PDB file of N, CA and C in Angstrom:
ATOM      1  N   MET A   1       0.833  -1.180   0.000  1.00  0.00           N
ATOM      2  CA  MET A   1       0.000   0.000   0.000  1.00  0.00           C
ATOM      3  C   MET A   1       0.883   1.252   0.000  1.00  0.00           C
ATOM      4  N   GLU A   2       0.573   2.174  -0.862  1.00  0.00           N
ATOM      5  CA  GLU A   2       1.337   3.413  -0.951  1.00  0.00           C
ATOM      6  C   GLU A   2       0.905   4.372   0.161  1.00  0.00           C
ATOM      7  N   LEU A   3       1.890   5.022   0.780  1.00  0.00           N
ATOM      8  CA  LEU A   3       1.598   5.963   1.854  1.00  0.00           C
ATOM      9  C   LEU A   3       1.327   7.350   1.298  1.00  0.00           C
ATOM     10  N   THR A   4       0.445   8.077   1.973  1.00  0.00           N
ATOM     11  CA  THR A   4       0.212   9.472   1.608  1.00  0.00           C
ATOM     12  C   THR A   4       1.382  10.315   2.118  1.00  0.00           C
ATOM     13  N   THR A   5       1.465  11.537   1.640  1.00  0.00           N
ATOM     14  CA  THR A   5       2.527  12.438   2.094  1.00  0.00           C
ATOM     15  C   THR A   5       2.422  12.673   3.594  1.00  0.00           C
ATOM     16  N   GLU A   6       1.210  12.836   4.080  1.00  0.00           N
ATOM     17  CA  GLU A   6       0.996  13.035   5.523  1.00  0.00           C
ATOM     18  C   GLU A   6       1.476  11.829   6.317  1.00  0.00           C
ATOM     19  N   GLN A   7       1.216  10.623   5.824  1.00  0.00           N
ATOM     20  CA  GLN A   7       1.662   9.414   6.513  1.00  0.00           C
ATOM     21  C   GLN A   7       3.183   9.307   6.508  1.00  0.00           C
ATOM     22  N   LEU A   8       3.809   9.676   5.390  1.00  0.00           N
ATOM     23  CA  LEU A   8       5.277   9.683   5.326  1.00  0.00           C
ATOM     24  C   LEU A   8       5.859  10.654   6.347  1.00  0.00           C
ATOM     25  N   LEU A   9       5.296  11.852   6.403  1.00  0.00           N
ATOM     26  CA  LEU A   9       5.763  12.868   7.347  1.00  0.00           C
ATOM     27  C   LEU A   9       5.617  12.383   8.782  1.00  0.00           C
ATOM     28  N   PHE A  10       4.445  11.886   9.129  1.00  0.00           N
ATOM     29  CA  PHE A  10       4.168  11.393  10.476  1.00  0.00           C
ATOM     30  C   PHE A  10       5.142  10.281  10.862  1.00  0.00           C
ATOM     31  N   GLY A  11       5.305   9.311   9.963  1.00  0.00           N
ATOM     32  CA  GLY A  11       6.195   8.183  10.235  1.00  0.00           C
ATOM     33  C   GLY A  11       7.644   8.588  10.381  1.00  0.00           C
ATOM     34  N   GLU A  12       8.109   9.489   9.530  1.00  0.00           N
ATOM     35  CA  GLU A  12       9.508   9.921   9.595  1.00  0.00           C
ATOM     36  C   GLU A  12       9.780  10.722  10.862  1.00  0.00           C
ATOM     37  N   ILE A  13       8.836  11.547  11.282  1.00  0.00           N
ATOM     38  CA  ILE A  13       9.001  12.293  12.534  1.00  0.00           C
ATOM     39  C   ILE A  13       9.112  11.321  13.702  1.00  0.00           C
ATOM     40  N   GLU A  14       8.253  10.324  13.730  1.00  0.00           N
ATOM     41  CA  GLU A  14       8.297   9.324  14.806  1.00  0.00           C
ATOM     42  C   GLU A  14       9.644   8.596  14.823  1.00  0.00           C
ATOM     43  N   ILE A  15      10.149   8.205  13.659  1.00  0.00           N
ATOM     44  CA  ILE A  15      11.438   7.512  13.570  1.00  0.00           C
ATOM     45  C   ILE A  15      12.576   8.410  14.036  1.00  0.00           C
ATOM     46  N   LEU A  16      12.578   9.666  13.595  1.00  0.00           N
ATOM     47  CA  LEU A  16      13.646  10.589  13.997  1.00  0.00           C
ATOM     48  C   LEU A  16      13.671  10.799  15.508  1.00  0.00           C
ATOM     49  N   ILE A  17      12.507  10.935  16.110  1.00  0.00           N
ATOM     50  CA  ILE A  17      12.450  11.163  17.555  1.00  0.00           C
ATOM     51  C   ILE A  17      12.893   9.919  18.312  1.00  0.00           C
ATOM     52  N   GLU A  18      12.421   8.750  17.879  1.00  0.00           N
ATOM     53  CA  GLU A  18      12.762   7.500  18.569  1.00  0.00           C
ATOM     54  C   GLU A  18      14.198   7.063  18.312  1.00  0.00           C
ATOM     55  N   ASP A  19      14.567   6.939  17.051  1.00  0.00           N
ATOM     56  CA  ASP A  19      15.862   6.359  16.707  1.00  0.00           C
ATOM     57  C   ASP A  19      17.021   7.337  16.838  1.00  0.00           C
ATOM     58  N   THR A  20      16.828   8.567  16.401  1.00  0.00           N
ATOM     59  CA  THR A  20      17.921   9.538  16.443  1.00  0.00           C
ATOM     60  C   THR A  20      18.097  10.136  17.831  1.00  0.00           C
ATOM     61  N   LEU A  21      16.988  10.524  18.458  1.00  0.00           N
ATOM     62  CA  LEU A  21      17.077  11.170  19.768  1.00  0.00           C
ATOM     63  C   LEU A  21      16.958  10.181  20.925  1.00  0.00           C
ATOM     64  N   GLY A  22      16.405   9.005  20.669  1.00  0.00           N
ATOM     65  CA  GLY A  22      16.303   7.984  21.707  1.00  0.00           C
ATOM     66  C   GLY A  22      15.163   8.183  22.687  1.00  0.00           C
ATOM     67  N   TYR A  23      14.152   8.964  22.313  1.00  0.00           N
ATOM     68  CA  TYR A  23      13.018   9.213  23.205  1.00  0.00           C
ATOM     69  C   TYR A  23      11.927   8.177  22.967  1.00  0.00           C
ATOM     70  N   THR A  24      11.190   7.855  24.015  1.00  0.00           N
ATOM     71  CA  THR A  24      10.046   6.966  23.898  1.00  0.00           C
ATOM     72  C   THR A  24       8.906   7.740  23.252  1.00  0.00           C
ATOM     73  N   VAL A  25       8.310   7.164  22.199  1.00  0.00           N
ATOM     74  CA  VAL A  25       7.243   7.831  21.452  1.00  0.00           C
ATOM     75  C   VAL A  25       6.010   6.931  21.439  1.00  0.00           C
ATOM     76  N   TYR A  26       4.854   7.528  21.695  1.00  0.00           N
ATOM     77  CA  TYR A  26       3.577   6.824  21.632  1.00  0.00           C
ATOM     78  C   TYR A  26       2.683   7.497  20.590  1.00  0.00           C
ATOM     79  N   PRO A  27       1.860   6.711  19.882  1.00  0.00           N
ATOM     80  CA  PRO A  27       0.940   7.306  18.906  1.00  0.00           C
ATOM     81  C   PRO A  27      -0.237   8.023  19.571  1.00  0.00           C
ATOM     82  N   SER A  28      -0.521   7.672  20.818  1.00  0.00           N
ATOM     83  CA  SER A  28      -1.562   8.326  21.616  1.00  0.00           C
ATOM     84  C   SER A  28      -1.142   8.208  23.077  1.00  0.00           C
ATOM     85  N   LEU A  29      -1.902   8.812  23.972  1.00  0.00           N
ATOM     86  CA  LEU A  29      -1.522   8.765  25.383  1.00  0.00           C
ATOM     87  C   LEU A  29      -1.408   7.319  25.858  1.00  0.00           C
ATOM     88  N   PRO A  30      -0.312   6.977  26.530  1.00  0.00           N
ATOM     89  CA  PRO A  30      -0.108   5.596  26.993  1.00  0.00           C
ATOM     90  C   PRO A  30      -0.865   5.332  28.292  1.00  0.00           C
ATOM     91  N   ASP A  31      -0.744   4.098  28.781  1.00  0.00           N
ATOM     92  CA  ASP A  31      -1.322   3.745  30.075  1.00  0.00           C
ATOM     93  C   ASP A  31      -0.692   4.590  31.173  1.00  0.00           C
ATOM     94  N   LEU A  32      -1.380   4.693  32.296  1.00  0.00           N
ATOM     95  CA  LEU A  32      -0.906   5.523  33.404  1.00  0.00           C
ATOM     96  C   LEU A  32       0.429   5.064  33.975  1.00  0.00           C
ATOM     97  N   ASP A  33       0.792   3.795  33.772  1.00  0.00           N
ATOM     98  CA  ASP A  33       2.051   3.299  34.333  1.00  0.00           C
ATOM     99  C   ASP A  33       3.252   3.545  33.416  1.00  0.00           C
ATOM    100  N   ALA A  34       3.069   4.285  32.326  1.00  0.00           N
ATOM    101  CA  ALA A  34       4.184   4.600  31.418  1.00  0.00           C
ATOM    102  C   ALA A  34       5.207   5.462  32.152  1.00  0.00           C
ATOM    103  N   GLU A  35       6.475   5.226  31.838  1.00  0.00           N
ATOM    104  CA  GLU A  35       7.567   5.945  32.489  1.00  0.00           C
ATOM    105  C   GLU A  35       7.786   7.302  31.819  1.00  0.00           C
ATOM    106  N   TYR A  36       7.892   8.339  32.640  1.00  0.00           N
ATOM    107  CA  TYR A  36       8.148   9.698  32.137  1.00  0.00           C
ATOM    108  C   TYR A  36       9.636   9.923  31.995  1.00  0.00           C
ATOM    109  N   PRO A  37      10.080  10.809  31.140  1.00  0.00           N
ATOM    110  CA  PRO A  37       9.321  11.563  30.145  1.00  0.00           C
ATOM    111  C   PRO A  37       9.113  10.756  28.867  1.00  0.00           C
ATOM    112  N   PHE A  38       8.127  11.166  28.074  1.00  0.00           N
ATOM    113  CA  PHE A  38       7.854  10.529  26.791  1.00  0.00           C
ATOM    114  C   PHE A  38       7.230  11.545  25.841  1.00  0.00           C
ATOM    115  N   VAL A  39       7.128  11.144  24.569  1.00  0.00           N
ATOM    116  CA  VAL A  39       6.561  11.995  23.522  1.00  0.00           C
ATOM    117  C   VAL A  39       5.302  11.326  22.984  1.00  0.00           C
ATOM    118  N   VAL A  40       4.266  12.130  22.748  1.00  0.00           N
ATOM    119  CA  VAL A  40       3.034  11.635  22.134  1.00  0.00           C
ATOM    120  C   VAL A  40       2.864  12.324  20.786  1.00  0.00           C
ATOM    121  N   MET A  41       2.711  11.517  19.743  1.00  0.00           N
ATOM    122  CA  MET A  41       2.449  12.055  18.410  1.00  0.00           C
ATOM    123  C   MET A  41       1.034  12.620  18.399  1.00  0.00           C
ATOM    124  N   GLY A  42       0.886  13.825  17.903  1.00  0.00           N
ATOM    125  CA  GLY A  42      -0.420  14.470  17.883  1.00  0.00           C
ATOM    126  C   GLY A  42      -1.016  14.503  16.489  1.00  0.00           C
ATOM    127  N   SER A  43      -1.753  15.538  16.252  1.00  0.00           N
ATOM    128  CA  SER A  43      -2.467  15.668  14.984  1.00  0.00           C
ATOM    129  C   SER A  43      -1.564  16.180  13.870  1.00  0.00           C
ATOM    130  N   VAL A  44      -1.990  15.904  12.643  1.00  0.00           N
ATOM    131  CA  VAL A  44      -1.334  16.439  11.449  1.00  0.00           C
ATOM    132  C   VAL A  44      -2.428  17.048  10.577  1.00  0.00           C
ATOM    133  N   GLN A  45      -2.244  18.292  10.199  1.00  0.00           N
ATOM    134  CA  GLN A  45      -3.184  18.967   9.311  1.00  0.00           C
ATOM    135  C   GLN A  45      -2.470  19.289   8.004  1.00  0.00           C
ATOM    136  N   THR A  46      -3.114  18.962   6.889  1.00  0.00           N
ATOM    137  CA  THR A  46      -2.574  19.264   5.566  1.00  0.00           C
ATOM    138  C   THR A  46      -3.384  20.401   4.962  1.00  0.00           C
ATOM    139  N   VAL A  47      -2.686  21.451   4.535  1.00  0.00           N
ATOM    140  CA  VAL A  47      -3.350  22.605   3.921  1.00  0.00           C
ATOM    141  C   VAL A  47      -2.861  22.726   2.485  1.00  0.00           C
ATOM    142  N   GLN A  48      -3.807  22.730   1.566  1.00  0.00           N
ATOM    143  CA  GLN A  48      -3.495  22.843   0.142  1.00  0.00           C
ATOM    144  C   GLN A  48      -3.496  24.328  -0.244  1.00  0.00           C
ATOM    145  N   ILE A  49      -2.428  24.756  -0.927  1.00  0.00           N
ATOM    146  CA  ILE A  49      -2.294  26.145  -1.345  1.00  0.00           C
ATOM    147  C   ILE A  49      -2.239  26.179  -2.869  1.00  0.00           C
ATOM    148  N   PRO A  50      -3.275  26.730  -3.514  1.00  0.00           N
ATOM    149  CA  PRO A  50      -3.262  26.774  -4.980  1.00  0.00           C
ATOM    150  C   PRO A  50      -2.218  27.755  -5.504  1.00  0.00           C
ATOM    151  N   ASP A  51      -1.582  27.352  -6.568  1.00  0.00           N
ATOM    152  CA  ASP A  51      -0.598  28.184  -7.254  1.00  0.00           C
ATOM    153  C   ASP A  51      -1.116  28.371  -8.683  1.00  0.00           C
ATOM    154  N   LYS A  52      -0.403  29.086  -9.506  1.00  0.00           N
ATOM    155  CA  LYS A  52      -0.862  29.309 -10.885  1.00  0.00           C
ATOM    156  C   LYS A  52      -0.982  28.011 -11.675  1.00  0.00           C
ATOM    157  N   THR A  53      -0.059  27.094 -11.447  1.00  0.00           N
ATOM    158  CA  THR A  53      -0.026  25.883 -12.264  1.00  0.00           C
ATOM    159  C   THR A  53      -0.222  24.590 -11.482  1.00  0.00           C
ATOM    160  N   HIS A  54      -0.110  24.622 -10.170  1.00  0.00           N
ATOM    161  CA  HIS A  54      -0.246  23.400  -9.377  1.00  0.00           C
ATOM    162  C   HIS A  54      -0.579  23.760  -7.923  1.00  0.00           C
ATOM    163  N   TYR A  55      -0.575  22.747  -7.077  1.00  0.00           N
ATOM    164  CA  TYR A  55      -0.845  22.960  -5.658  1.00  0.00           C
ATOM    165  C   TYR A  55       0.425  22.747  -4.853  1.00  0.00           C
ATOM    166  N   ARG A  56       0.588  23.556  -3.832  1.00  0.00           N
ATOM    167  CA  ARG A  56       1.635  23.343  -2.837  1.00  0.00           C
ATOM    168  C   ARG A  56       0.931  22.963  -1.542  1.00  0.00           C
ATOM    169  N   TYR A  57       1.699  22.413  -0.612  1.00  0.00           N
ATOM    170  CA  TYR A  57       1.098  21.969   0.637  1.00  0.00           C
ATOM    171  C   TYR A  57       1.909  22.458   1.826  1.00  0.00           C
ATOM    172  N   LYS A  58       1.180  22.743   2.906  1.00  0.00           N
ATOM    173  CA  LYS A  58       1.780  22.994   4.208  1.00  0.00           C
ATOM    174  C   LYS A  58       1.246  21.917   5.141  1.00  0.00           C
ATOM    175  N   PHE A  59       2.089  21.500   6.065  1.00  0.00           N
ATOM    176  CA  PHE A  59       1.708  20.469   7.025  1.00  0.00           C
ATOM    177  C   PHE A  59       1.919  21.016   8.430  1.00  0.00           C
ATOM    178  N   PHE A  60       0.880  20.947   9.242  1.00  0.00           N
ATOM    179  CA  PHE A  60       0.946  21.408  10.620  1.00  0.00           C
ATOM    180  C   PHE A  60       0.910  20.180  11.523  1.00  0.00           C
ATOM    181  N   VAL A  61       1.945  20.022  12.342  1.00  0.00           N
ATOM    182  CA  VAL A  61       2.101  18.842  13.195  1.00  0.00           C
ATOM    183  C   VAL A  61       2.141  19.291  14.651  1.00  0.00           C
ATOM    184  N   ASN A  62       1.393  18.591  15.505  1.00  0.00           N
ATOM    185  CA  ASN A  62       1.415  18.851  16.941  1.00  0.00           C
ATOM    186  C   ASN A  62       2.021  17.653  17.658  1.00  0.00           C
ATOM    187  N   LEU A  63       2.960  17.928  18.547  1.00  0.00           N
ATOM    188  CA  LEU A  63       3.593  16.898  19.370  1.00  0.00           C
ATOM    189  C   LEU A  63       3.500  17.323  20.830  1.00  0.00           C
ATOM    190  N   ASP A  64       3.414  16.353  21.730  1.00  0.00           N
ATOM    191  CA  ASP A  64       3.401  16.630  23.164  1.00  0.00           C
ATOM    192  C   ASP A  64       4.537  15.882  23.837  1.00  0.00           C
ATOM    193  N   VAL A  65       5.288  16.592  24.658  1.00  0.00           N
ATOM    194  CA  VAL A  65       6.320  15.979  25.497  1.00  0.00           C
ATOM    195  C   VAL A  65       5.782  16.000  26.920  1.00  0.00           C
ATOM    196  N   TRP A  66       5.738  14.842  27.563  1.00  0.00           N
ATOM    197  CA  TRP A  66       5.177  14.729  28.911  1.00  0.00           C
ATOM    198  C   TRP A  66       6.264  14.345  29.911  1.00  0.00           C
ATOM    199  N   GLY A  67       6.200  14.948  31.087  1.00  0.00           N
ATOM    200  CA  GLY A  67       7.111  14.605  32.168  1.00  0.00           C
ATOM    201  C   GLY A  67       6.423  14.782  33.503  1.00  0.00           C
ATOM    202  N   ASP A  68       6.953  14.127  34.540  1.00  0.00           N
ATOM    203  CA  ASP A  68       6.361  14.310  35.866  1.00  0.00           C
ATOM    204  C   ASP A  68       6.855  15.620  36.475  1.00  0.00           C
ATOM    205  N   ASP A  69       6.460  15.883  37.716  1.00  0.00           N
ATOM    206  CA  ASP A  69       6.763  17.185  38.321  1.00  0.00           C
ATOM    207  C   ASP A  69       8.255  17.443  38.496  1.00  0.00           C
ATOM    208  N   ASN A  70       9.093  16.419  38.400  1.00  0.00           N
ATOM    209  CA  ASN A  70      10.549  16.591  38.505  1.00  0.00           C
ATOM    210  C   ASN A  70      11.231  16.729  37.145  1.00  0.00           C
ATOM    211  N   ASN A  71      10.466  16.670  36.061  1.00  0.00           N
ATOM    212  CA  ASN A  71      11.034  16.627  34.708  1.00  0.00           C
ATOM    213  C   ASN A  71      10.911  17.924  33.913  1.00  0.00           C
ATOM    214  N   ARG A  72      10.692  19.060  34.561  1.00  0.00           N
ATOM    215  CA  ARG A  72      10.493  20.296  33.796  1.00  0.00           C
ATOM    216  C   ARG A  72      11.669  20.566  32.855  1.00  0.00           C
ATOM    217  N   ALA A  73      12.889  20.485  33.377  1.00  0.00           N
ATOM    218  CA  ALA A  73      14.077  20.746  32.549  1.00  0.00           C
ATOM    219  C   ALA A  73      14.191  19.721  31.420  1.00  0.00           C
ATOM    220  N   ASP A  74      13.872  18.461  31.709  1.00  0.00           N
ATOM    221  CA  ASP A  74      13.923  17.417  30.680  1.00  0.00           C
ATOM    222  C   ASP A  74      12.904  17.682  29.570  1.00  0.00           C
ATOM    223  N   VAL A  75      11.691  18.058  29.952  1.00  0.00           N
ATOM    224  CA  VAL A  75      10.644  18.344  28.967  1.00  0.00           C
ATOM    225  C   VAL A  75      11.068  19.505  28.077  1.00  0.00           C
ATOM    226  N   SER A  76      11.607  20.548  28.682  1.00  0.00           N
ATOM    227  CA  SER A  76      12.076  21.709  27.924  1.00  0.00           C
ATOM    228  C   SER A  76      13.201  21.325  26.962  1.00  0.00           C
ATOM    229  N   MET A  77      14.171  20.562  27.447  1.00  0.00           N
ATOM    230  CA  MET A  77      15.302  20.151  26.612  1.00  0.00           C
ATOM    231  C   MET A  77      14.851  19.215  25.485  1.00  0.00           C
ATOM    232  N   MET A  78      13.946  18.284  25.793  1.00  0.00           N
ATOM    233  CA  MET A  78      13.444  17.373  24.767  1.00  0.00           C
ATOM    234  C   MET A  78      12.720  18.145  23.667  1.00  0.00           C
ATOM    235  N   ALA A  79      11.887  19.097  24.050  1.00  0.00           N
ATOM    236  CA  ALA A  79      11.165  19.902  23.057  1.00  0.00           C
ATOM    237  C   ALA A  79      12.149  20.650  22.164  1.00  0.00           C
ATOM    238  N   THR A  80      13.193  21.201  22.761  1.00  0.00           N
ATOM    239  CA  THR A  80      14.205  21.930  21.989  1.00  0.00           C
ATOM    240  C   THR A  80      14.933  21.000  21.026  1.00  0.00           C
ATOM    241  N   LYS A  81      15.346  19.827  21.504  1.00  0.00           N
ATOM    242  CA  LYS A  81      16.072  18.887  20.644  1.00  0.00           C
ATOM    243  C   LYS A  81      15.193  18.350  19.516  1.00  0.00           C
ATOM    244  N   ILE A  82      13.927  18.108  19.805  1.00  0.00           N
ATOM    245  CA  ILE A  82      13.007  17.647  18.762  1.00  0.00           C
ATOM    246  C   ILE A  82      12.891  18.716  17.683  1.00  0.00           C
ATOM    247  N   ARG A  83      12.655  19.933  18.102  1.00  0.00           N
ATOM    248  CA  ARG A  83      12.529  21.038  17.142  1.00  0.00           C
ATOM    249  C   ARG A  83      13.782  21.168  16.286  1.00  0.00           C
ATOM    250  N   GLU A  84      14.952  21.105  16.918  1.00  0.00           N
ATOM    251  CA  GLU A  84      16.211  21.238  16.182  1.00  0.00           C
ATOM    252  C   GLU A  84      16.432  20.080  15.214  1.00  0.00           C
ATOM    253  N   SER A  85      16.045  18.870  15.607  1.00  0.00           N
ATOM    254  CA  SER A  85      16.280  17.702  14.745  1.00  0.00           C
ATOM    255  C   SER A  85      15.333  17.660  13.550  1.00  0.00           C
ATOM    256  N   LEU A  86      14.254  18.433  13.603  1.00  0.00           N
ATOM    257  CA  LEU A  86      13.265  18.408  12.523  1.00  0.00           C
ATOM    258  C   LEU A  86      13.356  19.614  11.596  1.00  0.00           C
ATOM    259  N   ARG A  87      14.435  20.373  11.668  1.00  0.00           N
ATOM    260  CA  ARG A  87      14.568  21.571  10.824  1.00  0.00           C
ATOM    261  C   ARG A  87      14.528  21.225   9.335  1.00  0.00           C
ATOM    262  N   TYR A  88      15.135  20.112   8.966  1.00  0.00           N
ATOM    263  CA  TYR A  88      15.183  19.682   7.573  1.00  0.00           C
ATOM    264  C   TYR A  88      15.414  18.176   7.570  1.00  0.00           C
ATOM    265  N   PHE A  89      14.584  17.436   6.862  1.00  0.00           N
ATOM    266  CA  PHE A  89      14.781  15.988   6.777  1.00  0.00           C
ATOM    267  C   PHE A  89      14.119  15.455   5.516  1.00  0.00           C
ATOM    268  N   LYS A  90      14.486  14.236   5.191  1.00  0.00           N
ATOM    269  CA  LYS A  90      13.999  13.572   3.984  1.00  0.00           C
ATOM    270  C   LYS A  90      13.160  12.361   4.381  1.00  0.00           C
ATOM    271  N   ALA A  91      12.049  12.173   3.678  1.00  0.00           N
ATOM    272  CA  ALA A  91      11.213  10.987   3.829  1.00  0.00           C
ATOM    273  C   ALA A  91      10.967  10.452   2.428  1.00  0.00           C
ATOM    274  N   GLU A  92      11.549   9.312   2.131  1.00  0.00           N
ATOM    275  CA  GLU A  92      11.573   8.745   0.780  1.00  0.00           C
ATOM    276  C   GLU A  92      12.140   9.783  -0.177  1.00  0.00           C
ATOM    277  N   ASN A  93      11.368  10.229  -1.157  1.00  0.00           N
ATOM    278  CA  ASN A  93      11.919  11.183  -2.125  1.00  0.00           C
ATOM    279  C   ASN A  93      11.478  12.624  -1.848  1.00  0.00           C
ATOM    280  N   LEU A  94      10.914  12.878  -0.678  1.00  0.00           N
ATOM    281  CA  LEU A  94      10.442  14.216  -0.317  1.00  0.00           C
ATOM    282  C   LEU A  94      11.362  14.851   0.720  1.00  0.00           C
ATOM    283  N   HIS A  95      11.608  16.131   0.559  1.00  0.00           N
ATOM    284  CA  HIS A  95      12.430  16.885   1.504  1.00  0.00           C
ATOM    285  C   HIS A  95      11.519  17.857   2.250  1.00  0.00           C
ATOM    286  N   PHE A  96      11.486  17.728   3.576  1.00  0.00           N
ATOM    287  CA  PHE A  96      10.645  18.580   4.405  1.00  0.00           C
ATOM    288  C   PHE A  96      11.496  19.624   5.116  1.00  0.00           C
ATOM    289  N   LYS A  97      10.948  20.827   5.213  1.00  0.00           N
ATOM    290  CA  LYS A  97      11.632  21.912   5.911  1.00  0.00           C
ATOM    291  C   LYS A  97      10.681  22.498   6.949  1.00  0.00           C
ATOM    292  N   LEU A  98      11.191  22.670   8.172  1.00  0.00           N
ATOM    293  CA  LEU A  98      10.443  23.319   9.240  1.00  0.00           C
ATOM    294  C   LEU A  98      10.509  24.822   9.006  1.00  0.00           C
ATOM    295  N   VAL A  99       9.360  25.455   8.808  1.00  0.00           N
ATOM    296  CA  VAL A  99       9.351  26.886   8.500  1.00  0.00           C
ATOM    297  C   VAL A  99       8.800  27.735   9.644  1.00  0.00           C
ATOM    298  N   GLN A 100       8.086  27.130  10.568  1.00  0.00           N
ATOM    299  CA  GLN A 100       7.532  27.862  11.709  1.00  0.00           C
ATOM    300  C   GLN A 100       7.396  26.887  12.867  1.00  0.00           C
ATOM    301  N   HIS A 101       7.657  27.366  14.067  1.00  0.00           N
ATOM    302  CA  HIS A 101       7.487  26.505  15.234  1.00  0.00           C
ATOM    303  C   HIS A 101       7.151  27.344  16.453  1.00  0.00           C
ATOM    304  N   ASP A 102       6.353  26.773  17.317  1.00  0.00           N
ATOM    305  CA  ASP A 102       6.033  27.354  18.615  1.00  0.00           C
ATOM    306  C   ASP A 102       6.145  26.239  19.640  1.00  0.00           C
ATOM    307  N   VAL A 103       6.658  26.585  20.806  1.00  0.00           N
ATOM    308  CA  VAL A 103       6.761  25.626  21.901  1.00  0.00           C
ATOM    309  C   VAL A 103       6.141  26.267  23.135  1.00  0.00           C
ATOM    310  N   GLU A 104       5.259  25.537  23.775  1.00  0.00           N
ATOM    311  CA  GLU A 104       4.634  26.012  25.007  1.00  0.00           C
ATOM    312  C   GLU A 104       4.900  24.983  26.097  1.00  0.00           C
ATOM    313  N   LEU A 105       5.339  25.442  27.255  1.00  0.00           N
ATOM    314  CA  LEU A 105       5.581  24.573  28.402  1.00  0.00           C
ATOM    315  C   LEU A 105       4.560  24.937  29.466  1.00  0.00           C
ATOM    316  N   ARG A 106       3.799  23.948  29.936  1.00  0.00           N
ATOM    317  CA  ARG A 106       2.769  24.236  30.935  1.00  0.00           C
ATOM    318  C   ARG A 106       2.631  23.085  31.912  1.00  0.00           C
ATOM    319  N   THR A 107       2.051  23.402  33.063  1.00  0.00           N
ATOM    320  CA  THR A 107       1.743  22.350  34.024  1.00  0.00           C
ATOM    321  C   THR A 107       0.420  21.713  33.622  1.00  0.00           C
ATOM    322  N   ASP A 108       0.249  20.471  34.042  1.00  0.00           N
ATOM    323  CA  ASP A 108      -0.957  19.726  33.710  1.00  0.00           C
ATOM    324  C   ASP A 108      -1.364  18.936  34.947  1.00  0.00           C
ATOM    325  N   ASN A 109      -2.619  19.018  35.312  1.00  0.00           N
ATOM    326  CA  ASN A 109      -3.091  18.272  36.483  1.00  0.00           C
ATOM    327  C   ASN A 109      -4.208  17.303  36.111  1.00  0.00           C
ATOM    328  N   SER A 110      -4.099  16.698  34.942  1.00  0.00           N
ATOM    329  CA  SER A 110      -5.114  15.752  34.481  1.00  0.00           C
ATOM    330  C   SER A 110      -5.000  14.391  35.174  1.00  0.00           C
ATOM    331  N   THR A 111      -3.918  14.178  35.919  1.00  0.00           N
ATOM    332  CA  THR A 111      -3.768  12.960  36.718  1.00  0.00           C
ATOM    333  C   THR A 111      -3.726  13.368  38.188  1.00  0.00           C
ATOM    334  N   SER A 112      -3.532  12.413  39.063  1.00  0.00           N
ATOM    335  CA  SER A 112      -3.498  12.715  40.495  1.00  0.00           C
ATOM    336  C   SER A 112      -2.239  13.468  40.906  1.00  0.00           C
ATOM    337  N   SER A 113      -1.219  13.488  40.057  1.00  0.00           N
ATOM    338  CA  SER A 113      -0.003  14.248  40.359  1.00  0.00           C
ATOM    339  C   SER A 113       0.231  15.295  39.273  1.00  0.00           C
ATOM    340  N   GLN A 114       0.978  16.331  39.612  1.00  0.00           N
ATOM    341  CA  GLN A 114       1.258  17.387  38.641  1.00  0.00           C
ATOM    342  C   GLN A 114       2.244  16.891  37.594  1.00  0.00           C
ATOM    343  N   LEU A 115       1.985  17.252  36.341  1.00  0.00           N
ATOM    344  CA  LEU A 115       2.845  16.879  35.226  1.00  0.00           C
ATOM    345  C   LEU A 115       3.310  18.135  34.502  1.00  0.00           C
ATOM    346  N   TRP A 116       4.381  17.985  33.729  1.00  0.00           N
ATOM    347  CA  TRP A 116       4.825  19.029  32.807  1.00  0.00           C
ATOM    348  C   TRP A 116       4.510  18.563  31.404  1.00  0.00           C
ATOM    349  N   ARG A 117       4.015  19.499  30.608  1.00  0.00           N
ATOM    350  CA  ARG A 117       3.646  19.185  29.226  1.00  0.00           C
ATOM    351  C   ARG A 117       4.258  20.230  28.303  1.00  0.00           C
ATOM    352  N   GLY A 118       5.054  19.748  27.359  1.00  0.00           N
ATOM    353  CA  GLY A 118       5.607  20.622  26.339  1.00  0.00           C
ATOM    354  C   GLY A 118       4.835  20.416  25.054  1.00  0.00           C
ATOM    355  N   LEU A 119       4.210  21.468  24.567  1.00  0.00           N
ATOM    356  CA  LEU A 119       3.414  21.398  23.343  1.00  0.00           C
ATOM    357  C   LEU A 119       4.221  22.001  22.207  1.00  0.00           C
ATOM    358  N   LEU A 120       4.439  21.222  21.170  1.00  0.00           N
ATOM    359  CA  LEU A 120       5.160  21.700  19.987  1.00  0.00           C
ATOM    360  C   LEU A 120       4.169  21.846  18.842  1.00  0.00           C
ATOM    361  N   PHE A 121       4.167  23.019  18.232  1.00  0.00           N
ATOM    362  CA  PHE A 121       3.345  23.310  17.068  1.00  0.00           C
ATOM    363  C   PHE A 121       4.312  23.570  15.921  1.00  0.00           C
ATOM    364  N   LEU A 122       4.328  22.681  14.936  1.00  0.00           N
ATOM    365  CA  LEU A 122       5.337  22.716  13.880  1.00  0.00           C
ATOM    366  C   LEU A 122       4.677  22.850  12.510  1.00  0.00           C
ATOM    367  N   GLU A 123       5.258  23.687  11.668  1.00  0.00           N
ATOM    368  CA  GLU A 123       4.758  23.871  10.306  1.00  0.00           C
ATOM    369  C   GLU A 123       5.855  23.496   9.321  1.00  0.00           C
ATOM    370  N   PHE A 124       5.524  22.589   8.399  1.00  0.00           N
ATOM    371  CA  PHE A 124       6.482  22.103   7.410  1.00  0.00           C
ATOM    372  C   PHE A 124       6.005  22.413   5.997  1.00  0.00           C
ATOM    373  N   ILE A 125       6.980  22.565   5.103  1.00  0.00           N
ATOM    374  CA  ILE A 125       6.704  22.634   3.673  1.00  0.00           C
ATOM    375  C   ILE A 125       7.562  21.577   2.986  1.00  0.00           C
ATOM    376  N   ILE A 126       7.191  21.237   1.767  1.00  0.00           N
ATOM    377  CA  ILE A 126       7.997  20.338   0.944  1.00  0.00           C
ATOM    378  C   ILE A 126       8.847  21.201   0.033  1.00  0.00           C
ATOM    379  N   LEU A 127      10.141  20.908   0.004  1.00  0.00           N
ATOM    380  CA  LEU A 127      11.043  21.655  -0.885  1.00  0.00           C
ATOM    381  C   LEU A 127      11.051  21.050  -2.272  1.00  0.00           C
TER     382      LEU A 127
END
């Protein structure tokens, strides 16, 4: 089965984070007994931009870095390293470039203990 461009992007980001950076990555929130810190793959939005002769695309990717109350520095550093490692990469015959990024670090009390959550908002184009 042939993968869509969005699937290639999603898969390559997951591989880069896991294999290159060595971080634990989940496709969705893991069980409560998962060891912190970890990364959760979020949503991917594809935006089609019409041009005079063809279409170009932008891809918006959301990632979450989670850590317990002692992991604030780790969450911040992981978010920074992820952003830096995704500045430019290749997935099959496509070259992706990070053109915009935002990182937000916040506390989260969705469990019985306080957590740190790093939210990465990334925008990619195909070169």
